[in-house]
Amino acid sequence: MHAGQWAAWDSSVRTKVVAAGRRWGKSELGAMWTLAGAKRDALVGETAISWVVAPTFSLTRPLWRKFMVTNRRAAPGGWITAMHGSEARPDYLELGAARIEFKSADDPERLVAEGLHRVWLDEGGTVKEAAWTESLLPTLMDFKAPALLTGTPKGRNWFYRMWLRGQDEADGEVASFGGPSYENPFIAKAEIDRIAREMPERLHRQEIMAEFLTDEGAVFRGVRNLVGPYSEKRTAVIGIDLARRKDFTVLHGLDHDGATTLWDRDRQTAWPLQKARIVATAEARECMVVVDATGVGDPVVQDLQKAGLVVVPYQFTLASKQRLIDSLAMAIEQTKVTLPDEPVLLNELEAFEFTTTPLGNIRYGAPEGLHDDCVIALGLAWHALADHQGRLITDIDPDLLKGLVRPSPYRGHF
């Protein structure tokens, strides 16, 4: 273990709160702390139960795997005397008379026990407060049992309040530990730097630097500082988010410098009308278009191509959406785009949020009841304009595009 882990290990307080960056070593600390405690119970012949609690059942699986690795490292032959369950379905481990049970916190009311000898709650920032205050905390009263709460910060919630309490040395019951990912000497700094460069600043501060952010869910900040007049330069690309059911079709054009040249939002969902509007707009500016092809597939792309447009389809997955939004967020942070004074666009950008799934993945989207069509259209345009290293594409030959754009029956429709 490294120095930060040893600091938490050596503390004698009953409740330890470890808020740390990704790959800091929280799981290794938790597994060793639980195993060592259960081993002490077994040596004195005490029938004792420890709980390992994850936000969801699926997240108990990597913790089970961590226990297997830690057990092999603890001593020749390990300390575990019997295993009930498997990585696919963790149940409990035996160390003589002591037992370590794996639990899920997704339903706090099911976390019922008469008296535990220790509890390790992992990813506390994503667990409901009731799981700790109403379910787990009372189980520690019988034996004045210790608890270890670990996790990466996820806003200023109950986990943050516990961590803040542990910062007060006069408390005596709770102590806080942890730090940025860089504190783990077993992971190369260059590797952490590489990952950090791919993250928007707020994610870097939360996931790597382990900061509790007040606006944990905000994705784009300083949006209104980028407002300016529409660019009169040539449009390089138009990003298009197509309407589906109650959504809007949005077109967002950017010039080679990242300034907005056009912005259009319409609720016509019939494809012939959408197509006519897209073709007329793209032909008038003789530029390429990038289309969200998710769910509509090749037919729509082929239809636009047959109309004479240079079309780049973009398929959204959880990973590809994160890359797109991360790239746009960094462009906004670095003031590489100029936005029009369109209230709907600005409001969507400011409301757009991210949440962290129980598996630790970042999920982007509009708050419930709101739209993100404007965000996606802008993101698609920026994606086409800048390569993965953030360099603007300035070598598109206008004559080449002009040659690829063929006359269309929709010309002059708008």
Protein backbone atom coordinates (compact mmCIF):
# COMPACT_ATOMS: atom_id res chain seq x y z
CA MET A 1 0.00 0.00 0.00
CA HIS A 2 1.08 3.62 -0.42
CA ALA A 3 1.35 6.41 2.17
CA GLY A 4 -2.21 7.68 1.71
CA GLN A 5 -3.64 4.22 2.25
CA TRP A 6 -1.47 3.65 5.32
CA ALA A 7 -2.70 6.92 6.84
CA ALA A 8 -6.28 5.65 6.72
CA TRP A 9 -5.24 2.16 7.84
CA ASP A 10 -3.41 3.41 10.93
CA SER A 11 -6.19 5.70 12.12
CA SER A 12 -8.01 4.51 15.25
CA VAL A 13 -11.28 6.39 14.67
CA ARG A 14 -14.44 4.31 14.22
CA THR A 15 -15.58 5.86 10.94
CA LYS A 16 -13.07 6.52 8.18
CA VAL A 17 -14.08 8.45 5.05
CA VAL A 18 -11.82 8.10 2.01
CA ALA A 19 -12.60 10.43 -0.89
CA ALA A 20 -10.06 9.90 -3.64
CA GLY A 21 -9.54 10.04 -7.38
CA ARG A 22 -9.86 7.15 -9.79
CA ARG A 23 -7.21 4.43 -9.33
CA TRP A 24 -6.04 5.89 -6.01
CA GLY A 25 -6.37 2.47 -4.37
CA LYS A 26 -9.69 2.71 -2.52
CA SER A 27 -10.78 -0.84 -3.32
CA GLU A 28 -7.44 -2.33 -2.33
CA LEU A 29 -7.60 -0.49 1.00
CA GLY A 30 -11.20 -1.59 1.60
CA ALA A 31 -10.53 -5.25 0.84
CA MET A 32 -7.43 -5.39 3.03
CA TRP A 33 -9.12 -3.50 5.89
CA THR A 34 -12.10 -5.90 5.84
CA LEU A 35 -10.01 -9.06 5.49
CA ALA A 36 -7.63 -8.07 8.29
CA GLY A 37 -10.52 -7.26 10.61
CA ALA A 38 -12.25 -10.56 9.90
CA LYS A 39 -8.95 -12.39 10.41
CA ARG A 40 -8.59 -10.84 13.87
CA ASP A 41 -12.12 -11.97 14.69
CA ALA A 42 -11.30 -15.51 13.52
CA LEU A 43 -8.12 -15.70 15.60
CA VAL A 44 -10.08 -15.13 18.80
CA GLY A 45 -12.74 -17.60 17.69
CA GLU A 46 -15.42 -14.97 17.53
CA THR A 47 -18.49 -15.47 15.34
CA ALA A 48 -18.47 -12.13 13.59
CA ILE A 49 -20.07 -10.74 10.44
CA SER A 50 -18.63 -8.02 8.24
CA TRP A 51 -20.49 -6.41 5.35
CA VAL A 52 -19.14 -5.16 2.04
CA VAL A 53 -21.75 -2.89 0.49
CA ALA A 54 -21.74 -1.61 -3.11
CA PRO A 55 -24.25 0.75 -4.81
CA THR A 56 -25.67 -2.09 -6.93
CA PHE A 57 -25.40 -5.88 -7.00
CA SER A 58 -23.36 -5.79 -10.22
CA LEU A 59 -20.75 -3.66 -8.45
CA THR A 60 -20.21 -6.33 -5.81
CA ARG A 61 -18.57 -8.45 -8.52
CA PRO A 62 -15.38 -6.37 -8.95
CA LEU A 63 -15.17 -6.15 -5.15
CA TRP A 64 -15.36 -9.96 -4.87
CA ARG A 65 -12.57 -10.14 -7.45
CA LYS A 66 -10.53 -7.63 -5.43
CA PHE A 67 -10.92 -9.83 -2.34
CA MET A 68 -9.60 -12.84 -4.26
CA VAL A 69 -6.48 -10.92 -5.28
CA THR A 70 -5.95 -9.39 -1.84
CA ASN A 71 -6.40 -12.77 -0.14
CA ARG A 72 -3.61 -14.28 -2.23
CA ARG A 73 -1.32 -11.42 -1.29
CA ALA A 74 -2.16 -11.49 2.42
CA ALA A 75 -0.35 -14.74 3.24
CA PRO A 76 0.74 -18.04 1.66
CA GLY A 77 -2.48 -19.93 1.03
CA GLY A 78 -4.54 -16.87 1.97
CA TRP A 79 -6.85 -16.29 4.94
CA ILE A 80 -10.17 -17.31 3.40
CA THR A 81 -11.23 -20.79 4.48
CA ALA A 82 -14.42 -21.14 2.43
CA MET A 83 -16.16 -19.29 -0.41
CA HIS A 84 -19.92 -19.23 -0.95
CA GLY A 85 -20.87 -17.78 -4.31
CA SER A 86 -18.67 -16.64 -7.16
CA GLU A 87 -17.63 -13.51 -9.00
CA ALA A 88 -20.81 -13.81 -11.07
CA ARG A 89 -22.94 -14.03 -7.94
CA PRO A 90 -21.07 -12.99 -4.76
CA ASP A 91 -22.56 -14.20 -1.48
CA TYR A 92 -20.13 -14.53 1.45
CA LEU A 93 -16.62 -15.57 2.47
CA GLU A 94 -15.60 -17.48 5.59
CA LEU A 95 -12.46 -16.94 7.65
CA GLY A 96 -12.97 -19.57 10.33
CA ALA A 97 -15.87 -18.39 12.46
CA ALA A 98 -15.82 -14.95 10.84
CA ARG A 99 -17.84 -14.14 7.75
CA ILE A 100 -17.73 -11.39 5.08
CA GLU A 101 -21.04 -10.84 3.30
CA PHE A 102 -21.57 -8.88 0.07
CA LYS A 103 -24.58 -6.58 -0.13
CA SER A 104 -26.21 -4.09 -2.51
CA ALA A 105 -27.43 -0.65 -1.40
CA ASP A 106 -29.91 -0.14 -4.23
CA ASP A 107 -32.76 -0.93 -1.81
CA PRO A 108 -31.78 0.46 1.64
CA GLU A 109 -34.75 -1.23 3.35
CA ARG A 110 -33.24 -4.65 2.60
CA LEU A 111 -30.02 -3.84 4.48
CA VAL A 112 -31.21 -5.35 7.74
CA ALA A 113 -28.92 -6.98 10.31
CA GLU A 114 -28.94 -7.41 14.09
CA GLY A 115 -25.34 -6.49 14.72
CA LEU A 116 -22.29 -6.23 12.48
CA HIS A 117 -18.60 -6.16 13.40
CA ARG A 118 -17.61 -3.83 10.54
CA VAL A 119 -18.97 -2.29 7.34
CA TRP A 120 -17.18 -1.18 4.19
CA LEU A 121 -19.45 0.99 2.01
CA ASP A 122 -17.91 1.56 -1.41
CA GLU A 123 -18.72 4.49 -3.76
CA GLY A 124 -20.60 6.28 -1.02
CA GLY A 125 -21.19 9.32 -3.24
CA THR A 126 -23.61 7.32 -5.43
CA VAL A 127 -25.46 5.61 -2.57
CA LYS A 128 -28.67 6.97 -1.06
CA GLU A 129 -28.16 8.66 2.29
CA ALA A 130 -30.83 6.41 3.80
CA ALA A 131 -28.65 3.38 3.14
CA TRP A 132 -26.11 4.80 5.61
CA THR A 133 -28.21 6.66 8.17
CA GLU A 134 -31.26 4.38 8.37
CA SER A 135 -29.82 0.96 7.52
CA LEU A 136 -26.08 0.56 8.03
CA LEU A 137 -25.33 2.93 10.88
CA PRO A 138 -27.75 1.24 13.35
CA THR A 139 -26.16 -2.17 12.67
CA LEU A 140 -22.87 -0.90 14.13
CA MET A 141 -24.29 -0.05 17.56
CA ASP A 142 -24.20 -3.53 19.16
CA PHE A 143 -20.42 -3.95 18.98
CA LYS A 144 -19.42 -0.30 18.54
CA ALA A 145 -18.19 -1.50 15.16
CA PRO A 146 -16.01 0.48 12.77
CA ALA A 147 -16.98 1.63 9.26
CA LEU A 148 -15.03 2.51 6.14
CA LEU A 149 -16.71 4.77 3.57
CA THR A 150 -14.89 5.08 0.25
CA GLY A 151 -15.63 6.74 -3.07
CA THR A 152 -14.86 9.37 -5.66
CA PRO A 153 -16.58 12.72 -4.95
CA LYS A 154 -19.99 13.09 -6.60
CA GLY A 155 -21.13 16.58 -5.65
CA ARG A 156 -21.80 17.98 -2.21
CA ASN A 157 -24.12 15.30 -0.88
CA TRP A 158 -24.19 13.30 2.37
CA PHE A 159 -20.85 11.66 1.52
CA TYR A 160 -19.34 15.14 1.23
CA ARG A 161 -20.81 16.10 4.61
CA MET A 162 -19.28 13.02 6.21
CA TRP A 163 -15.92 13.82 4.61
CA LEU A 164 -16.20 17.43 5.80
CA ARG A 165 -16.95 16.22 9.33
CA GLY A 166 -13.83 14.08 9.23
CA GLN A 167 -11.74 17.15 8.44
CA ASP A 168 -12.41 18.41 11.98
CA GLU A 169 -9.73 16.83 14.17
CA ALA A 170 -11.79 17.64 17.24
CA ASP A 171 -14.62 15.34 16.11
CA GLY A 172 -12.99 12.14 17.35
CA GLU A 173 -15.54 9.82 15.70
CA VAL A 174 -14.90 10.49 12.01
CA ALA A 175 -11.66 11.09 10.10
CA SER A 176 -11.17 11.89 6.42
CA PHE A 177 -8.47 10.67 4.06
CA GLY A 178 -7.74 10.39 0.35
CA GLY A 179 -6.52 12.66 -2.38
CA PRO A 180 -5.93 12.88 -6.12
CA SER A 181 -5.12 9.92 -8.34
CA TYR A 182 -1.54 11.16 -8.54
CA GLU A 183 -0.94 9.98 -4.95
CA ASN A 184 -0.82 6.38 -6.15
CA PRO A 185 2.88 5.79 -6.87
CA PHE A 186 2.12 2.47 -8.57
CA ILE A 187 0.49 4.18 -11.57
CA ALA A 188 2.69 6.25 -13.87
CA LYS A 189 2.01 9.99 -13.71
CA ALA A 190 2.23 10.13 -17.51
CA GLU A 191 -0.66 7.65 -17.77
CA ILE A 192 -2.87 9.75 -15.47
CA ASP A 193 -1.88 12.85 -17.45
CA ARG A 194 -2.90 11.12 -20.67
CA ILE A 195 -6.36 10.35 -19.33
CA ALA A 196 -6.71 13.81 -17.79
CA ARG A 197 -6.02 15.50 -21.13
CA GLU A 198 -9.08 13.78 -22.59
CA MET A 199 -11.35 15.12 -19.83
CA PRO A 200 -13.12 18.47 -19.56
CA GLU A 201 -11.81 20.49 -16.65
CA ARG A 202 -14.71 19.80 -14.27
CA LEU A 203 -14.40 16.02 -14.77
CA HIS A 204 -10.65 16.22 -14.23
CA ARG A 205 -11.21 18.09 -10.97
CA GLN A 206 -13.77 15.54 -9.75
CA GLU A 207 -12.55 12.19 -11.07
CA ILE A 208 -8.76 12.76 -10.90
CA MET A 209 -8.21 15.55 -8.36
CA ALA A 210 -11.01 14.28 -6.06
CA GLU A 211 -12.66 17.67 -5.55
CA PHE A 212 -16.23 18.02 -4.28
CA LEU A 213 -17.76 20.41 -6.82
CA THR A 214 -20.78 22.59 -6.11
CA ASP A 215 -22.01 22.27 -9.70
CA GLU A 216 -21.24 18.58 -10.03
CA GLY A 217 -23.75 18.06 -12.82
CA ALA A 218 -22.89 21.05 -15.01
CA VAL A 219 -21.18 20.23 -18.31
CA PHE A 220 -20.77 23.59 -20.06
CA ARG A 221 -19.77 26.68 -18.10
CA GLY A 222 -19.14 30.23 -19.23
CA VAL A 223 -21.47 29.71 -22.17
CA ARG A 224 -22.73 33.30 -22.28
CA ASN A 225 -19.18 34.63 -22.41
CA LEU A 226 -18.96 33.13 -25.92
CA VAL A 227 -21.97 35.00 -27.36
CA GLY A 228 -21.23 37.06 -30.44
CA PRO A 229 -22.70 38.04 -33.80
CA TYR A 230 -23.24 35.48 -36.55
CA SER A 231 -20.13 35.00 -38.63
CA GLU A 232 -20.30 36.18 -42.23
CA LYS A 233 -17.47 33.86 -43.26
CA ARG A 234 -18.06 30.76 -45.33
CA THR A 235 -19.76 27.86 -43.52
CA ALA A 236 -17.41 24.90 -43.18
CA VAL A 237 -19.84 22.37 -41.70
CA ILE A 238 -23.41 22.01 -40.48
CA GLY A 239 -24.24 19.71 -37.58
CA ILE A 240 -27.76 18.28 -37.73
CA ASP A 241 -29.82 16.64 -35.00
CA LEU A 242 -32.93 15.13 -36.58
CA ALA A 243 -36.35 15.37 -34.94
CA ARG A 244 -37.85 12.24 -33.41
CA ARG A 245 -41.41 12.32 -32.10
CA LYS A 246 -41.53 15.39 -29.81
CA ASP A 247 -38.01 16.66 -30.50
CA PHE A 248 -36.79 19.36 -32.86
CA THR A 249 -34.60 19.25 -35.93
CA VAL A 250 -31.68 21.60 -35.31
CA LEU A 251 -29.06 22.80 -37.79
CA HIS A 252 -25.92 24.50 -36.48
CA GLY A 253 -23.30 25.83 -38.89
CA LEU A 254 -19.72 26.78 -38.02
CA ASP A 255 -17.03 28.51 -40.03
CA HIS A 256 -13.40 27.33 -40.04
CA ASP A 257 -12.70 29.40 -36.89
CA GLY A 258 -15.51 27.84 -34.85
CA ALA A 259 -17.85 30.83 -35.11
CA THR A 260 -21.55 30.22 -35.73
CA THR A 261 -22.75 31.04 -39.24
CA LEU A 262 -26.29 29.69 -38.97
CA TRP A 263 -28.67 28.22 -36.42
CA ASP A 264 -32.09 26.83 -37.23
CA ARG A 265 -34.60 24.94 -35.08
CA ASP A 266 -37.82 23.49 -36.42
CA ARG A 267 -40.41 20.99 -35.21
CA GLN A 268 -41.38 19.57 -38.61
CA THR A 269 -40.97 15.83 -38.10
CA ALA A 270 -42.13 14.63 -41.52
CA TRP A 271 -38.98 13.50 -43.30
CA PRO A 272 -39.75 15.14 -46.69
CA LEU A 273 -40.02 18.53 -44.99
CA GLN A 274 -36.87 17.96 -42.92
CA LYS A 275 -35.00 16.84 -46.02
CA ALA A 276 -36.09 19.86 -48.03
CA ARG A 277 -34.92 22.25 -45.34
CA ILE A 278 -31.57 20.50 -44.88
CA VAL A 279 -30.82 20.27 -48.60
CA ALA A 280 -31.74 23.89 -49.27
CA THR A 281 -29.60 25.13 -46.38
CA ALA A 282 -26.55 23.02 -47.18
CA GLU A 283 -26.69 23.74 -50.90
CA ALA A 284 -26.90 27.48 -50.32
CA ARG A 285 -23.67 27.32 -48.30
CA GLU A 286 -21.94 24.54 -50.28
CA CYS A 287 -20.69 22.75 -47.15
CA MET A 288 -20.56 19.30 -45.64
CA VAL A 289 -23.15 18.14 -43.11
CA VAL A 290 -22.81 15.81 -40.12
CA VAL A 291 -25.99 13.97 -39.19
CA ASP A 292 -27.02 12.09 -36.07
CA ALA A 293 -27.82 8.81 -37.79
CA THR A 294 -28.68 6.90 -34.60
CA GLY A 295 -32.01 5.13 -34.94
CA VAL A 296 -32.57 6.33 -38.50
CA GLY A 297 -29.61 4.56 -40.05
CA ASP A 298 -28.26 4.46 -43.56
CA PRO A 299 -31.52 5.19 -45.48
CA VAL A 300 -31.64 8.82 -44.28
CA VAL A 301 -27.94 9.33 -44.97
CA GLN A 302 -28.28 7.77 -48.42
CA ASP A 303 -31.33 9.90 -49.12
CA LEU A 304 -29.38 13.07 -48.36
CA GLN A 305 -26.43 11.87 -50.39
CA LYS A 306 -28.72 11.17 -53.35
CA ALA A 307 -29.93 14.76 -53.04
CA GLY A 308 -26.35 15.83 -53.67
CA LEU A 309 -25.02 16.55 -50.18
CA VAL A 310 -21.66 15.62 -48.66
CA VAL A 311 -22.91 13.74 -45.59
CA VAL A 312 -21.00 12.34 -42.62
CA PRO A 313 -23.15 10.02 -40.44
CA TYR A 314 -22.54 9.84 -36.68
CA GLN A 315 -23.75 6.88 -34.64
CA PHE A 316 -24.26 7.55 -30.92
CA THR A 317 -23.27 5.08 -28.24
CA LEU A 318 -22.56 5.80 -24.59
CA ALA A 319 -18.85 6.03 -25.43
CA SER A 320 -19.16 8.03 -28.67
CA LYS A 321 -21.54 10.52 -27.05
CA GLN A 322 -19.09 11.04 -24.20
CA ARG A 323 -16.27 11.71 -26.66
CA LEU A 324 -18.41 14.17 -28.61
CA ILE A 325 -19.57 16.09 -25.52
CA ASP A 326 -16.12 16.06 -23.90
CA SER A 327 -14.65 17.57 -27.07
CA LEU A 328 -17.32 20.27 -27.18
CA ALA A 329 -16.92 21.03 -23.47
CA MET A 330 -13.19 21.53 -23.92
CA ALA A 331 -13.81 23.77 -26.94
CA ILE A 332 -16.16 25.92 -24.85
CA GLU A 333 -13.73 26.04 -21.93
CA GLN A 334 -10.95 27.10 -24.29
CA THR A 335 -13.24 29.66 -26.05
CA LYS A 336 -12.76 28.00 -29.43
CA VAL A 337 -16.38 28.51 -30.47
CA THR A 338 -18.59 31.59 -30.82
CA LEU A 339 -22.29 31.21 -30.10
CA PRO A 340 -25.28 33.25 -31.29
CA ASP A 341 -27.55 35.05 -28.85
CA GLU A 342 -30.28 32.44 -29.14
CA PRO A 343 -31.96 31.84 -25.73
CA VAL A 344 -33.05 28.27 -26.52
CA LEU A 345 -29.50 27.26 -27.49
CA LEU A 346 -27.88 28.97 -24.50
CA ASN A 347 -30.43 27.55 -22.05
CA GLU A 348 -29.95 24.01 -23.38
CA LEU A 349 -26.17 24.28 -23.03
CA GLU A 350 -26.45 25.57 -19.46
CA ALA A 351 -29.01 22.92 -18.44
CA PHE A 352 -27.15 19.99 -20.04
CA GLU A 353 -25.80 17.75 -17.29
CA PHE A 354 -23.83 14.65 -16.52
CA THR A 355 -24.50 11.96 -13.98
CA THR A 356 -22.33 9.10 -12.83
CA THR A 357 -23.82 5.64 -13.22
CA PRO A 358 -23.43 3.03 -10.45
CA LEU A 359 -20.76 1.42 -12.63
CA GLY A 360 -18.78 4.68 -12.52
CA ASN A 361 -19.45 5.71 -16.12
CA ILE A 362 -20.34 9.26 -17.12
CA ARG A 363 -23.78 9.68 -18.72
CA TYR A 364 -24.65 12.92 -20.52
CA GLY A 365 -28.11 14.30 -21.29
CA ALA A 366 -30.74 16.96 -20.74
CA PRO A 367 -32.61 17.06 -17.41
CA GLU A 368 -35.92 15.24 -17.44
CA GLY A 369 -38.52 17.11 -19.49
CA LEU A 370 -35.98 19.22 -21.41
CA HIS A 371 -34.32 18.87 -24.82
CA ASP A 372 -30.73 18.52 -25.97
CA ASP A 373 -31.20 18.87 -29.75
CA CYS A 374 -29.24 22.14 -29.87
CA VAL A 375 -26.37 20.67 -27.88
CA ILE A 376 -26.08 17.63 -30.16
CA ALA A 377 -26.19 19.69 -33.38
CA LEU A 378 -23.42 21.98 -32.11
CA GLY A 379 -21.42 19.00 -30.90
CA LEU A 380 -21.66 17.31 -34.29
CA ALA A 381 -20.52 20.46 -36.08
CA TRP A 382 -17.55 20.87 -33.77
CA HIS A 383 -16.69 17.18 -34.08
CA ALA A 384 -16.41 17.55 -37.85
CA LEU A 385 -14.52 20.82 -37.62
CA ALA A 386 -11.82 19.64 -35.23
CA ASP A 387 -9.88 16.41 -35.23
CA HIS A 388 -9.21 14.40 -32.08
CA GLN A 389 -6.24 16.65 -31.22
CA GLY A 390 -8.33 19.80 -31.40
CA ARG A 391 -6.77 21.19 -34.59
CA LEU A 392 -9.21 22.97 -36.86
CA ILE A 393 -9.76 21.46 -40.27
CA THR A 394 -8.80 24.24 -42.69
CA ASP A 395 -7.85 22.25 -45.74
CA ILE A 396 -11.32 21.48 -47.10
CA ASP A 397 -11.30 22.58 -50.74
CA PRO A 398 -14.42 24.67 -51.45
CA ASP A 399 -14.19 23.71 -55.13
CA LEU A 400 -14.18 20.02 -54.16
CA LEU A 401 -17.33 20.47 -52.12
CA LYS A 402 -18.91 22.50 -54.91
CA GLY A 403 -18.24 19.67 -57.30
CA LEU A 404 -19.81 17.14 -54.96
CA VAL A 405 -22.96 19.19 -54.40
CA ARG A 406 -25.26 18.44 -57.31
CA PRO A 407 -28.37 20.44 -58.28
CA SER A 408 -31.40 19.39 -56.25
CA PRO A 409 -35.14 19.59 -56.92
CA TYR A 410 -35.42 21.33 -53.54
CA ARG A 411 -33.29 24.33 -54.57
CA GLY A 412 -35.19 27.54 -54.01
CA HIS A 413 -37.76 25.88 -51.72
CA PHE A 414 -36.75 28.25 -48.89
